[in-house]
Amino acid sequence: MKRYKRKESLRFEFAQPLDTSFYISRLKGKELKSPNGKGVILNVSPSGLKLETNLELPEEIELSLIFDIANHSFHPTGLISWRKKEWNGYHYGIDFLEGHDQPDLIEAIKEYQRQNRA
C-alpha cells in the first residue's frame, strides 16, 4: 500500500461523519459486484477520502462508493491505499481512480462548508 496524501491542499474534515455505502467492484483484477457495505466518510479531498467501516476489507480491491455532499451525488471508484485497525472498526485511505469529477466535488465541499458554518 502506498502512503496517504496528507499534505494535499484541500482536505475537508467533516464535523459529523458523512454516511456512505460502497461495494467491491473489482477483486484481484476481476470485475464483480459485492453486496453493499456501510460506512462513514471522515474526510475528503479531490483525490480521495478517509473511510470508516466495521468491515475488514481485502487489500487488492477496487471500491465503488456512493455518497452525497450538499445535495450533489457522487459515485467514485477508488483503491485502498492504507488500512488501520481502530477500536470501532477500520479506517481506510481511498485513492480515487481517474474519471471522477474533481471540480464538482470541490464545489460541493465549498457549498457544504457554507451551509454548515456555525
PDB file of N, CA and C in Angstrom:
ATOM      1  N   MET A   1       0.836  -1.180   0.000  1.00  0.00           N
ATOM      2  CA  MET A   1       0.000   0.000   0.000  1.00  0.00           C
ATOM      3  C   MET A   1       0.881   1.243   0.000  1.00  0.00           C
ATOM      4  N   LYS A   2       0.421   2.266  -0.707  1.00  0.00           N
ATOM      5  CA  LYS A   2       1.212   3.485  -0.758  1.00  0.00           C
ATOM      6  C   LYS A   2       0.787   4.469   0.323  1.00  0.00           C
ATOM      7  N   ARG A   3       1.587   5.504   0.513  1.00  0.00           N
ATOM      8  CA  ARG A   3       1.338   6.493   1.571  1.00  0.00           C
ATOM      9  C   ARG A   3       0.151   7.379   1.233  1.00  0.00           C
ATOM     10  N   TYR A   4      -0.534   7.808   2.280  1.00  0.00           N
ATOM     11  CA  TYR A   4      -1.675   8.701   2.179  1.00  0.00           C
ATOM     12  C   TYR A   4      -1.199  10.116   1.891  1.00  0.00           C
ATOM     13  N   LYS A   5      -1.915  10.863   1.081  1.00  0.00           N
ATOM     14  CA  LYS A   5      -1.519  12.217   0.685  1.00  0.00           C
ATOM     15  C   LYS A   5      -2.013  13.233   1.713  1.00  0.00           C
ATOM     16  N   ARG A   6      -1.467  13.218   2.913  1.00  0.00           N
ATOM     17  CA  ARG A   6      -1.915  14.094   3.992  1.00  0.00           C
ATOM     18  C   ARG A   6      -1.645  15.567   3.723  1.00  0.00           C
ATOM     19  N   LYS A   7      -0.722  15.896   2.844  1.00  0.00           N
ATOM     20  CA  LYS A   7      -0.367  17.281   2.591  1.00  0.00           C
ATOM     21  C   LYS A   7      -1.119  17.868   1.406  1.00  0.00           C
ATOM     22  N   GLU A   8      -2.121  17.185   0.927  1.00  0.00           N
ATOM     23  CA  GLU A   8      -2.897  17.687  -0.191  1.00  0.00           C
ATOM     24  C   GLU A   8      -3.536  19.025   0.188  1.00  0.00           C
ATOM     25  N   SER A   9      -3.614  19.949  -0.759  1.00  0.00           N
ATOM     26  CA  SER A   9      -4.032  21.312  -0.453  1.00  0.00           C
ATOM     27  C   SER A   9      -5.469  21.417   0.057  1.00  0.00           C
ATOM     28  N   LEU A  10      -6.386  20.631  -0.439  1.00  0.00           N
ATOM     29  CA  LEU A  10      -7.774  20.705   0.010  1.00  0.00           C
ATOM     30  C   LEU A  10      -8.183  19.356   0.591  1.00  0.00           C
ATOM     31  N   ARG A  11      -8.252  19.290   1.897  1.00  0.00           N
ATOM     32  CA  ARG A  11      -8.744  18.094   2.587  1.00  0.00           C
ATOM     33  C   ARG A  11      -9.762  18.595   3.585  1.00  0.00           C
ATOM     34  N   PHE A  12     -11.027  18.190   3.386  1.00  0.00           N
ATOM     35  CA  PHE A  12     -12.100  18.679   4.251  1.00  0.00           C
ATOM     36  C   PHE A  12     -12.471  17.616   5.278  1.00  0.00           C
ATOM     37  N   GLU A  13     -12.396  17.993   6.543  1.00  0.00           N
ATOM     38  CA  GLU A  13     -12.716  17.117   7.678  1.00  0.00           C
ATOM     39  C   GLU A  13     -14.168  17.386   8.063  1.00  0.00           C
ATOM     40  N   PHE A  14     -15.005  16.366   8.068  1.00  0.00           N
ATOM     41  CA  PHE A  14     -16.410  16.532   8.437  1.00  0.00           C
ATOM     42  C   PHE A  14     -16.565  16.538   9.957  1.00  0.00           C
ATOM     43  N   ALA A  15     -17.299  17.531  10.499  1.00  0.00           N
ATOM     44  CA  ALA A  15     -17.578  17.574  11.940  1.00  0.00           C
ATOM     45  C   ALA A  15     -18.446  16.376  12.317  1.00  0.00           C
ATOM     46  N   GLN A  16     -19.439  16.093  11.502  1.00  0.00           N
ATOM     47  CA  GLN A  16     -20.270  14.897  11.632  1.00  0.00           C
ATOM     48  C   GLN A  16     -19.958  14.013  10.435  1.00  0.00           C
ATOM     49  N   PRO A  17     -19.436  12.799  10.661  1.00  0.00           N
ATOM     50  CA  PRO A  17     -19.097  11.934   9.522  1.00  0.00           C
ATOM     51  C   PRO A  17     -20.260  11.781   8.548  1.00  0.00           C
ATOM     52  N   LEU A  18     -19.923  11.657   7.298  1.00  0.00           N
ATOM     53  CA  LEU A  18     -20.883  11.596   6.204  1.00  0.00           C
ATOM     54  C   LEU A  18     -21.171  10.137   5.854  1.00  0.00           C
ATOM     55  N   ASP A  19     -22.438   9.750   5.869  1.00  0.00           N
ATOM     56  CA  ASP A  19     -22.812   8.370   5.541  1.00  0.00           C
ATOM     57  C   ASP A  19     -22.456   8.035   4.100  1.00  0.00           C
ATOM     58  N   THR A  20     -22.039   6.802   3.901  1.00  0.00           N
ATOM     59  CA  THR A  20     -21.745   6.310   2.562  1.00  0.00           C
ATOM     60  C   THR A  20     -22.068   4.826   2.495  1.00  0.00           C
ATOM     61  N   SER A  21     -22.325   4.363   1.305  1.00  0.00           N
ATOM     62  CA  SER A  21     -22.377   2.923   1.058  1.00  0.00           C
ATOM     63  C   SER A  21     -21.348   2.640  -0.034  1.00  0.00           C
ATOM     64  N   PHE A  22     -20.946   1.402  -0.111  1.00  0.00           N
ATOM     65  CA  PHE A  22     -19.906   1.035  -1.066  1.00  0.00           C
ATOM     66  C   PHE A  22     -20.034  -0.438  -1.387  1.00  0.00           C
ATOM     67  N   TYR A  23     -19.418  -0.827  -2.488  1.00  0.00           N
ATOM     68  CA  TYR A  23     -19.341  -2.243  -2.844  1.00  0.00           C
ATOM     69  C   TYR A  23     -18.011  -2.499  -3.529  1.00  0.00           C
ATOM     70  N   ILE A  24     -17.591  -3.729  -3.464  1.00  0.00           N
ATOM     71  CA  ILE A  24     -16.370  -4.137  -4.152  1.00  0.00           C
ATOM     72  C   ILE A  24     -16.718  -4.324  -5.624  1.00  0.00           C
ATOM     73  N   SER A  25     -16.051  -3.557  -6.493  1.00  0.00           N
ATOM     74  CA  SER A  25     -16.342  -3.642  -7.925  1.00  0.00           C
ATOM     75  C   SER A  25     -15.257  -4.387  -8.701  1.00  0.00           C
ATOM     76  N   ARG A  26     -14.135  -4.651  -8.031  1.00  0.00           N
ATOM     77  CA  ARG A  26     -13.060  -5.414  -8.666  1.00  0.00           C
ATOM     78  C   ARG A  26     -12.231  -6.055  -7.560  1.00  0.00           C
ATOM     79  N   LEU A  27     -11.962  -7.331  -7.707  1.00  0.00           N
ATOM     80  CA  LEU A  27     -11.152  -8.070  -6.739  1.00  0.00           C
ATOM     81  C   LEU A  27     -10.060  -8.800  -7.498  1.00  0.00           C
ATOM     82  N   LYS A  28      -8.808  -8.483  -7.162  1.00  0.00           N
ATOM     83  CA  LYS A  28      -7.644  -9.094  -7.817  1.00  0.00           C
ATOM     84  C   LYS A  28      -7.763  -9.038  -9.334  1.00  0.00           C
ATOM     85  N   GLY A  29      -8.211  -7.888  -9.836  1.00  0.00           N
ATOM     86  CA  GLY A  29      -8.288  -7.673 -11.275  1.00  0.00           C
ATOM     87  C   GLY A  29      -9.548  -8.179 -11.941  1.00  0.00           C
ATOM     88  N   LYS A  30     -10.443  -8.844 -11.209  1.00  0.00           N
ATOM     89  CA  LYS A  30     -11.665  -9.383 -11.802  1.00  0.00           C
ATOM     90  C   LYS A  30     -12.876  -8.568 -11.349  1.00  0.00           C
ATOM     91  N   GLU A  31     -13.720  -8.194 -12.332  1.00  0.00           N
ATOM     92  CA  GLU A  31     -14.920  -7.427 -12.017  1.00  0.00           C
ATOM     93  C   GLU A  31     -15.902  -8.260 -11.213  1.00  0.00           C
ATOM     94  N   LEU A  32     -16.604  -7.578 -10.278  1.00  0.00           N
ATOM     95  CA  LEU A  32     -17.680  -8.214  -9.527  1.00  0.00           C
ATOM     96  C   LEU A  32     -18.520  -7.130  -8.893  1.00  0.00           C
ATOM     97  N   LYS A  33     -19.628  -7.495  -8.272  1.00  0.00           N
ATOM     98  CA  LYS A  33     -20.465  -6.556  -7.522  1.00  0.00           C
ATOM     99  C   LYS A  33     -20.846  -7.246  -6.229  1.00  0.00           C
ATOM    100  N   SER A  34     -20.156  -6.860  -5.153  1.00  0.00           N
ATOM    101  CA  SER A  34     -20.441  -7.430  -3.840  1.00  0.00           C
ATOM    102  C   SER A  34     -21.710  -6.784  -3.274  1.00  0.00           C
ATOM    103  N   PRO A  35     -22.272  -7.369  -2.224  1.00  0.00           N
ATOM    104  CA  PRO A  35     -23.356  -6.665  -1.521  1.00  0.00           C
ATOM    105  C   PRO A  35     -22.828  -5.337  -0.980  1.00  0.00           C
ATOM    106  N   ASN A  36     -23.726  -4.371  -0.816  1.00  0.00           N
ATOM    107  CA  ASN A  36     -23.307  -3.061  -0.307  1.00  0.00           C
ATOM    108  C   ASN A  36     -22.855  -3.143   1.135  1.00  0.00           C
ATOM    109  N   GLY A  37     -21.803  -2.397   1.437  1.00  0.00           N
ATOM    110  CA  GLY A  37     -21.333  -2.192   2.800  1.00  0.00           C
ATOM    111  C   GLY A  37     -21.680  -0.778   3.221  1.00  0.00           C
ATOM    112  N   LYS A  38     -21.693  -0.556   4.509  1.00  0.00           N
ATOM    113  CA  LYS A  38     -21.992   0.776   5.053  1.00  0.00           C
ATOM    114  C   LYS A  38     -20.768   1.319   5.773  1.00  0.00           C
ATOM    115  N   GLY A  39     -20.640   2.627   5.758  1.00  0.00           N
ATOM    116  CA  GLY A  39     -19.560   3.273   6.462  1.00  0.00           C
ATOM    117  C   GLY A  39     -19.811   4.755   6.545  1.00  0.00           C
ATOM    118  N   VAL A  40     -18.804   5.475   7.029  1.00  0.00           N
ATOM    119  CA  VAL A  40     -18.868   6.931   7.075  1.00  0.00           C
ATOM    120  C   VAL A  40     -17.568   7.500   6.518  1.00  0.00           C
ATOM    121  N   ILE A  41     -17.693   8.676   5.931  1.00  0.00           N
ATOM    122  CA  ILE A  41     -16.538   9.391   5.407  1.00  0.00           C
ATOM    123  C   ILE A  41     -16.102  10.381   6.480  1.00  0.00           C
ATOM    124  N   LEU A  42     -14.839  10.294   6.889  1.00  0.00           N
ATOM    125  CA  LEU A  42     -14.307  11.192   7.912  1.00  0.00           C
ATOM    126  C   LEU A  42     -13.731  12.463   7.301  1.00  0.00           C
ATOM    127  N   ASN A  43     -13.096  12.326   6.135  1.00  0.00           N
ATOM    128  CA  ASN A  43     -12.618  13.497   5.409  1.00  0.00           C
ATOM    129  C   ASN A  43     -12.556  13.169   3.927  1.00  0.00           C
ATOM    130  N   VAL A  44     -12.490  14.215   3.119  1.00  0.00           N
ATOM    131  CA  VAL A  44     -12.497  14.035   1.668  1.00  0.00           C
ATOM    132  C   VAL A  44     -11.602  15.097   1.035  1.00  0.00           C
ATOM    133  N   SER A  45     -11.014  14.741  -0.085  1.00  0.00           N
ATOM    134  CA  SER A  45     -10.225  15.663  -0.892  1.00  0.00           C
ATOM    135  C   SER A  45     -10.575  15.377  -2.355  1.00  0.00           C
ATOM    136  N   PRO A  46     -10.103  16.198  -3.270  1.00  0.00           N
ATOM    137  CA  PRO A  46     -10.404  15.934  -4.682  1.00  0.00           C
ATOM    138  C   PRO A  46      -9.869  14.587  -5.174  1.00  0.00           C
ATOM    139  N   SER A  47      -8.874  14.027  -4.484  1.00  0.00           N
ATOM    140  CA  SER A  47      -8.285  12.783  -4.981  1.00  0.00           C
ATOM    141  C   SER A  47      -8.538  11.570  -4.090  1.00  0.00           C
ATOM    142  N   GLY A  48      -9.321  11.733  -3.019  1.00  0.00           N
ATOM    143  CA  GLY A  48      -9.581  10.573  -2.183  1.00  0.00           C
ATOM    144  C   GLY A  48     -10.337  10.912  -0.920  1.00  0.00           C
ATOM    145  N   LEU A  49     -10.469   9.905  -0.051  1.00  0.00           N
ATOM    146  CA  LEU A  49     -11.188  10.104   1.197  1.00  0.00           C
ATOM    147  C   LEU A  49     -10.717   9.125   2.261  1.00  0.00           C
ATOM    148  N   LYS A  50     -11.151   9.396   3.494  1.00  0.00           N
ATOM    149  CA  LYS A  50     -10.887   8.505   4.619  1.00  0.00           C
ATOM    150  C   LYS A  50     -12.213   7.880   5.014  1.00  0.00           C
ATOM    151  N   LEU A  51     -12.278   6.566   4.929  1.00  0.00           N
ATOM    152  CA  LEU A  51     -13.488   5.790   5.177  1.00  0.00           C
ATOM    153  C   LEU A  51     -13.372   5.054   6.499  1.00  0.00           C
ATOM    154  N   GLU A  52     -14.453   5.078   7.280  1.00  0.00           N
ATOM    155  CA  GLU A  52     -14.530   4.261   8.489  1.00  0.00           C
ATOM    156  C   GLU A  52     -15.669   3.270   8.316  1.00  0.00           C
ATOM    157  N   THR A  53     -15.390   2.005   8.588  1.00  0.00           N
ATOM    158  CA  THR A  53     -16.393   0.953   8.494  1.00  0.00           C
ATOM    159  C   THR A  53     -16.037  -0.151   9.477  1.00  0.00           C
ATOM    160  N   ASN A  54     -17.022  -0.966   9.817  1.00  0.00           N
ATOM    161  CA  ASN A  54     -16.734  -2.099  10.700  1.00  0.00           C
ATOM    162  C   ASN A  54     -16.270  -3.322   9.914  1.00  0.00           C
ATOM    163  N   LEU A  55     -16.190  -3.206   8.595  1.00  0.00           N
ATOM    164  CA  LEU A  55     -15.785  -4.321   7.741  1.00  0.00           C
ATOM    165  C   LEU A  55     -14.277  -4.343   7.530  1.00  0.00           C
ATOM    166  N   GLU A  56     -13.688  -5.517   7.625  1.00  0.00           N
ATOM    167  CA  GLU A  56     -12.284  -5.694   7.263  1.00  0.00           C
ATOM    168  C   GLU A  56     -12.248  -6.045   5.781  1.00  0.00           C
ATOM    169  N   LEU A  57     -11.723  -5.139   4.986  1.00  0.00           N
ATOM    170  CA  LEU A  57     -11.725  -5.295   3.533  1.00  0.00           C
ATOM    171  C   LEU A  57     -10.400  -5.856   3.050  1.00  0.00           C
ATOM    172  N   PRO A  58     -10.434  -6.693   2.012  1.00  0.00           N
ATOM    173  CA  PRO A  58      -9.174  -7.194   1.442  1.00  0.00           C
ATOM    174  C   PRO A  58      -8.408  -6.053   0.765  1.00  0.00           C
ATOM    175  N   GLU A  59      -7.110  -6.214   0.651  1.00  0.00           N
ATOM    176  CA  GLU A  59      -6.254  -5.153   0.120  1.00  0.00           C
ATOM    177  C   GLU A  59      -6.366  -4.963  -1.385  1.00  0.00           C
ATOM    178  N   GLU A  60      -6.500  -6.010  -2.138  1.00  0.00           N
ATOM    179  CA  GLU A  60      -6.434  -5.917  -3.598  1.00  0.00           C
ATOM    180  C   GLU A  60      -7.817  -5.734  -4.210  1.00  0.00           C
ATOM    181  N   ILE A  61      -8.512  -4.649  -3.786  1.00  0.00           N
ATOM    182  CA  ILE A  61      -9.859  -4.424  -4.294  1.00  0.00           C
ATOM    183  C   ILE A  61     -10.005  -3.015  -4.846  1.00  0.00           C
ATOM    184  N   GLU A  62     -11.024  -2.866  -5.677  1.00  0.00           N
ATOM    185  CA  GLU A  62     -11.472  -1.568  -6.140  1.00  0.00           C
ATOM    186  C   GLU A  62     -12.852  -1.366  -5.535  1.00  0.00           C
ATOM    187  N   LEU A  63     -13.046  -0.239  -4.859  1.00  0.00           N
ATOM    188  CA  LEU A  63     -14.329   0.068  -4.229  1.00  0.00           C
ATOM    189  C   LEU A  63     -15.090   1.075  -5.067  1.00  0.00           C
ATOM    190  N   SER A  64     -16.382   0.888  -5.169  1.00  0.00           N
ATOM    191  CA  SER A  64     -17.274   1.889  -5.737  1.00  0.00           C
ATOM    192  C   SER A  64     -18.077   2.459  -4.580  1.00  0.00           C
ATOM    193  N   LEU A  65     -18.005   3.769  -4.407  1.00  0.00           N
ATOM    194  CA  LEU A  65     -18.651   4.443  -3.284  1.00  0.00           C
ATOM    195  C   LEU A  65     -19.844   5.264  -3.767  1.00  0.00           C
ATOM    196  N   ILE A  66     -20.794   5.483  -2.867  1.00  0.00           N
ATOM    197  CA  ILE A  66     -21.981   6.263  -3.169  1.00  0.00           C
ATOM    198  C   ILE A  66     -22.209   7.193  -1.984  1.00  0.00           C
ATOM    199  N   PHE A  67     -22.169   8.510  -2.234  1.00  0.00           N
ATOM    200  CA  PHE A  67     -22.417   9.472  -1.156  1.00  0.00           C
ATOM    201  C   PHE A  67     -22.901  10.793  -1.734  1.00  0.00           C
ATOM    202  N   ASP A  68     -23.508  11.592  -0.866  1.00  0.00           N
ATOM    203  CA  ASP A  68     -23.996  12.921  -1.226  1.00  0.00           C
ATOM    204  C   ASP A  68     -23.289  13.957  -0.375  1.00  0.00           C
ATOM    205  N   ILE A  69     -22.929  15.068  -1.008  1.00  0.00           N
ATOM    206  CA  ILE A  69     -22.406  16.239  -0.309  1.00  0.00           C
ATOM    207  C   ILE A  69     -23.194  17.436  -0.817  1.00  0.00           C
ATOM    208  N   ALA A  70     -23.866  18.135   0.097  1.00  0.00           N
ATOM    209  CA  ALA A  70     -24.628  19.341  -0.244  1.00  0.00           C
ATOM    210  C   ALA A  70     -25.562  19.102  -1.435  1.00  0.00           C
ATOM    211  N   ASN A  71     -26.325  18.032  -1.370  1.00  0.00           N
ATOM    212  CA  ASN A  71     -27.310  17.679  -2.406  1.00  0.00           C
ATOM    213  C   ASN A  71     -26.703  17.357  -3.761  1.00  0.00           C
ATOM    214  N   HIS A  72     -25.422  17.007  -3.798  1.00  0.00           N
ATOM    215  CA  HIS A  72     -24.759  16.541  -5.010  1.00  0.00           C
ATOM    216  C   HIS A  72     -24.372  15.084  -4.777  1.00  0.00           C
ATOM    217  N   SER A  73     -24.732  14.216  -5.709  1.00  0.00           N
ATOM    218  CA  SER A  73     -24.423  12.790  -5.582  1.00  0.00           C
ATOM    219  C   SER A  73     -23.098  12.468  -6.263  1.00  0.00           C
ATOM    220  N   PHE A  74     -22.321  11.611  -5.602  1.00  0.00           N
ATOM    221  CA  PHE A  74     -21.036  11.184  -6.142  1.00  0.00           C
ATOM    222  C   PHE A  74     -20.952   9.660  -6.111  1.00  0.00           C
ATOM    223  N   HIS A  75     -20.310   9.099  -7.137  1.00  0.00           N
ATOM    224  CA  HIS A  75     -20.166   7.651  -7.280  1.00  0.00           C
ATOM    225  C   HIS A  75     -18.751   7.304  -7.736  1.00  0.00           C
ATOM    226  N   PRO A  76     -17.731   7.751  -7.002  1.00  0.00           N
ATOM    227  CA  PRO A  76     -16.359   7.465  -7.443  1.00  0.00           C
ATOM    228  C   PRO A  76     -15.943   6.023  -7.163  1.00  0.00           C
ATOM    229  N   THR A  77     -14.948   5.584  -7.874  1.00  0.00           N
ATOM    230  CA  THR A  77     -14.300   4.318  -7.577  1.00  0.00           C
ATOM    231  C   THR A  77     -12.889   4.635  -7.099  1.00  0.00           C
ATOM    232  N   GLY A  78     -12.360   3.761  -6.271  1.00  0.00           N
ATOM    233  CA  GLY A  78     -11.034   4.008  -5.743  1.00  0.00           C
ATOM    234  C   GLY A  78     -10.365   2.748  -5.248  1.00  0.00           C
ATOM    235  N   LEU A  79      -9.101   2.907  -4.912  1.00  0.00           N
ATOM    236  CA  LEU A  79      -8.285   1.812  -4.398  1.00  0.00           C
ATOM    237  C   LEU A  79      -7.902   2.107  -2.954  1.00  0.00           C
ATOM    238  N   ILE A  80      -7.802   1.078  -2.144  1.00  0.00           N
ATOM    239  CA  ILE A  80      -7.361   1.236  -0.767  1.00  0.00           C
ATOM    240  C   ILE A  80      -5.854   1.505  -0.780  1.00  0.00           C
ATOM    241  N   SER A  81      -5.452   2.631  -0.174  1.00  0.00           N
ATOM    242  CA  SER A  81      -4.023   2.950  -0.129  1.00  0.00           C
ATOM    243  C   SER A  81      -3.417   2.639   1.237  1.00  0.00           C
ATOM    244  N   TRP A  82      -4.257   2.590   2.284  1.00  0.00           N
ATOM    245  CA  TRP A  82      -3.780   2.186   3.613  1.00  0.00           C
ATOM    246  C   TRP A  82      -4.974   1.737   4.448  1.00  0.00           C
ATOM    247  N   ARG A  83      -4.654   1.006   5.514  1.00  0.00           N
ATOM    248  CA  ARG A  83      -5.690   0.485   6.421  1.00  0.00           C
ATOM    249  C   ARG A  83      -5.156   0.562   7.841  1.00  0.00           C
ATOM    250  N   LYS A  84      -6.048   0.915   8.772  1.00  0.00           N
ATOM    251  CA  LYS A  84      -5.666   0.963  10.181  1.00  0.00           C
ATOM    252  C   LYS A  84      -6.817   0.422  11.027  1.00  0.00           C
ATOM    253  N   LYS A  85      -6.500  -0.545  11.886  1.00  0.00           N
ATOM    254  CA  LYS A  85      -7.494  -1.106  12.804  1.00  0.00           C
ATOM    255  C   LYS A  85      -7.740  -0.106  13.917  1.00  0.00           C
ATOM    256  N   GLU A  86      -8.997   0.190  14.183  1.00  0.00           N
ATOM    257  CA  GLU A  86      -9.406   1.102  15.250  1.00  0.00           C
ATOM    258  C   GLU A  86     -10.316   0.346  16.204  1.00  0.00           C
ATOM    259  N   TRP A  87     -10.567   0.916  17.375  1.00  0.00           N
ATOM    260  CA  TRP A  87     -11.396   0.239  18.376  1.00  0.00           C
ATOM    261  C   TRP A  87     -12.821   0.026  17.866  1.00  0.00           C
ATOM    262  N   ASN A  88     -13.301   0.904  16.985  1.00  0.00           N
ATOM    263  CA  ASN A  88     -14.670   0.811  16.481  1.00  0.00           C
ATOM    264  C   ASN A  88     -14.760   0.243  15.066  1.00  0.00           C
ATOM    265  N   GLY A  89     -13.695  -0.320  14.562  1.00  0.00           N
ATOM    266  CA  GLY A  89     -13.716  -0.887  13.216  1.00  0.00           C
ATOM    267  C   GLY A  89     -12.397  -0.647  12.506  1.00  0.00           C
ATOM    268  N   TYR A  90     -12.482  -0.169  11.273  1.00  0.00           N
ATOM    269  CA  TYR A  90     -11.299   0.063  10.438  1.00  0.00           C
ATOM    270  C   TYR A  90     -11.388   1.422   9.774  1.00  0.00           C
ATOM    271  N   HIS A  91     -10.236   2.047   9.611  1.00  0.00           N
ATOM    272  CA  HIS A  91     -10.111   3.263   8.813  1.00  0.00           C
ATOM    273  C   HIS A  91      -9.327   2.901   7.564  1.00  0.00           C
ATOM    274  N   TYR A  92      -9.789   3.421   6.416  1.00  0.00           N
ATOM    275  CA  TYR A  92      -9.136   3.154   5.138  1.00  0.00           C
ATOM    276  C   TYR A  92      -8.881   4.462   4.406  1.00  0.00           C
ATOM    277  N   GLY A  93      -7.730   4.574   3.794  1.00  0.00           N
ATOM    278  CA  GLY A  93      -7.459   5.651   2.855  1.00  0.00           C
ATOM    279  C   GLY A  93      -7.844   5.158   1.477  1.00  0.00           C
ATOM    280  N   ILE A  94      -8.699   5.892   0.801  1.00  0.00           N
ATOM    281  CA  ILE A  94      -9.166   5.512  -0.535  1.00  0.00           C
ATOM    282  C   ILE A  94      -8.670   6.554  -1.529  1.00  0.00           C
ATOM    283  N   ASP A  95      -7.899   6.122  -2.516  1.00  0.00           N
ATOM    284  CA  ASP A  95      -7.444   6.992  -3.607  1.00  0.00           C
ATOM    285  C   ASP A  95      -8.389   6.813  -4.785  1.00  0.00           C
ATOM    286  N   PHE A  96      -9.039   7.905  -5.203  1.00  0.00           N
ATOM    287  CA  PHE A  96      -9.955   7.833  -6.334  1.00  0.00           C
ATOM    288  C   PHE A  96      -9.209   7.488  -7.615  1.00  0.00           C
ATOM    289  N   LEU A  97      -9.862   6.718  -8.467  1.00  0.00           N
ATOM    290  CA  LEU A  97      -9.335   6.429  -9.800  1.00  0.00           C
ATOM    291  C   LEU A  97      -9.698   7.575 -10.724  1.00  0.00           C
ATOM    292  N   GLU A  98      -9.014   7.673 -11.830  1.00  0.00           N
ATOM    293  CA  GLU A  98      -9.316   8.710 -12.822  1.00  0.00           C
ATOM    294  C   GLU A  98     -10.769   8.568 -13.269  1.00  0.00           C
ATOM    295  N   GLY A  99     -11.338   9.676 -13.671  1.00  0.00           N
ATOM    296  CA  GLY A  99     -12.678   9.614 -14.230  1.00  0.00           C
ATOM    297  C   GLY A  99     -13.745  10.228 -13.347  1.00  0.00           C
ATOM    298  N   HIS A 100     -13.450  10.507 -12.076  1.00  0.00           N
ATOM    299  CA  HIS A 100     -14.472  11.177 -11.272  1.00  0.00           C
ATOM    300  C   HIS A 100     -14.313  12.685 -11.453  1.00  0.00           C
ATOM    301  N   ASP A 101     -15.365  13.429 -11.150  1.00  0.00           N
ATOM    302  CA  ASP A 101     -15.395  14.860 -11.448  1.00  0.00           C
ATOM    303  C   ASP A 101     -14.864  15.688 -10.279  1.00  0.00           C
ATOM    304  N   GLN A 102     -13.560  15.958 -10.278  1.00  0.00           N
ATOM    305  CA  GLN A 102     -12.938  16.733  -9.201  1.00  0.00           C
ATOM    306  C   GLN A 102     -13.535  18.131  -9.053  1.00  0.00           C
ATOM    307  N   PRO A 103     -13.763  18.892 -10.136  1.00  0.00           N
ATOM    308  CA  PRO A 103     -14.331  20.233  -9.958  1.00  0.00           C
ATOM    309  C   PRO A 103     -15.702  20.209  -9.256  1.00  0.00           C
ATOM    310  N   ASP A 104     -16.560  19.258  -9.610  1.00  0.00           N
ATOM    311  CA  ASP A 104     -17.862  19.156  -8.950  1.00  0.00           C
ATOM    312  C   ASP A 104     -17.708  18.805  -7.478  1.00  0.00           C
ATOM    313  N   LEU A 105     -16.772  17.937  -7.154  1.00  0.00           N
ATOM    314  CA  LEU A 105     -16.530  17.564  -5.761  1.00  0.00           C
ATOM    315  C   LEU A 105     -16.023  18.775  -4.965  1.00  0.00           C
ATOM    316  N   ILE A 106     -15.123  19.548  -5.532  1.00  0.00           N
ATOM    317  CA  ILE A 106     -14.613  20.742  -4.858  1.00  0.00           C
ATOM    318  C   ILE A 106     -15.748  21.731  -4.604  1.00  0.00           C
ATOM    319  N   GLU A 107     -16.583  21.949  -5.599  1.00  0.00           N
ATOM    320  CA  GLU A 107     -17.716  22.876  -5.433  1.00  0.00           C
ATOM    321  C   GLU A 107     -18.692  22.374  -4.373  1.00  0.00           C
ATOM    322  N   ALA A 108     -18.947  21.076  -4.337  1.00  0.00           N
ATOM    323  CA  ALA A 108     -19.854  20.508  -3.332  1.00  0.00           C
ATOM    324  C   ALA A 108     -19.283  20.677  -1.920  1.00  0.00           C
ATOM    325  N   ILE A 109     -17.977  20.497  -1.768  1.00  0.00           N
ATOM    326  CA  ILE A 109     -17.332  20.690  -0.462  1.00  0.00           C
ATOM    327  C   ILE A 109     -17.483  22.147  -0.021  1.00  0.00           C
ATOM    328  N   LYS A 110     -17.241  23.088  -0.935  1.00  0.00           N
ATOM    329  CA  LYS A 110     -17.380  24.507  -0.614  1.00  0.00           C
ATOM    330  C   LYS A 110     -18.829  24.828  -0.222  1.00  0.00           C
ATOM    331  N   GLU A 111     -19.776  24.283  -0.962  1.00  0.00           N
ATOM    332  CA  GLU A 111     -21.192  24.511  -0.651  1.00  0.00           C
ATOM    333  C   GLU A 111     -21.550  23.925   0.715  1.00  0.00           C
ATOM    334  N   TYR A 112     -21.047  22.736   1.014  1.00  0.00           N
ATOM    335  CA  TYR A 112     -21.274  22.106   2.316  1.00  0.00           C
ATOM    336  C   TYR A 112     -20.730  22.993   3.439  1.00  0.00           C
ATOM    337  N   GLN A 113     -19.544  23.549   3.238  1.00  0.00           N
ATOM    338  CA  GLN A 113     -18.952  24.439   4.238  1.00  0.00           C
ATOM    339  C   GLN A 113     -19.824  25.669   4.467  1.00  0.00           C
ATOM    340  N   ARG A 114     -20.322  26.257   3.395  1.00  0.00           N
ATOM    341  CA  ARG A 114     -21.193  27.440   3.531  1.00  0.00           C
ATOM    342  C   ARG A 114     -22.473  27.086   4.287  1.00  0.00           C
ATOM    343  N   GLN A 115     -23.045  25.921   3.996  1.00  0.00           N
ATOM    344  CA  GLN A 115     -24.309  25.504   4.627  1.00  0.00           C
ATOM    345  C   GLN A 115     -24.138  25.145   6.096  1.00  0.00           C
ATOM    346  N   ASN A 116     -22.925  24.740   6.485  1.00  0.00           N
ATOM    347  CA  ASN A 116     -22.711  24.229   7.844  1.00  0.00           C
ATOM    348  C   ASN A 116     -21.825  25.120   8.710  1.00  0.00           C
ATOM    349  N   ARG A 117     -21.706  26.372   8.350  1.00  0.00           N
ATOM    350  CA  ARG A 117     -20.939  27.298   9.198  1.00  0.00           C
ATOM    351  C   ARG A 117     -21.681  27.525  10.500  1.00  0.00           C
ATOM    352  N   ALA A 118     -20.928  27.575  11.576  1.00  0.00           N
ATOM    353  CA  ALA A 118     -21.551  27.782  12.898  1.00  0.00           C
ATOM    354  C   ALA A 118     -21.701  29.255  13.212  1.00  0.00           C
TER     355      ALA A 118
END
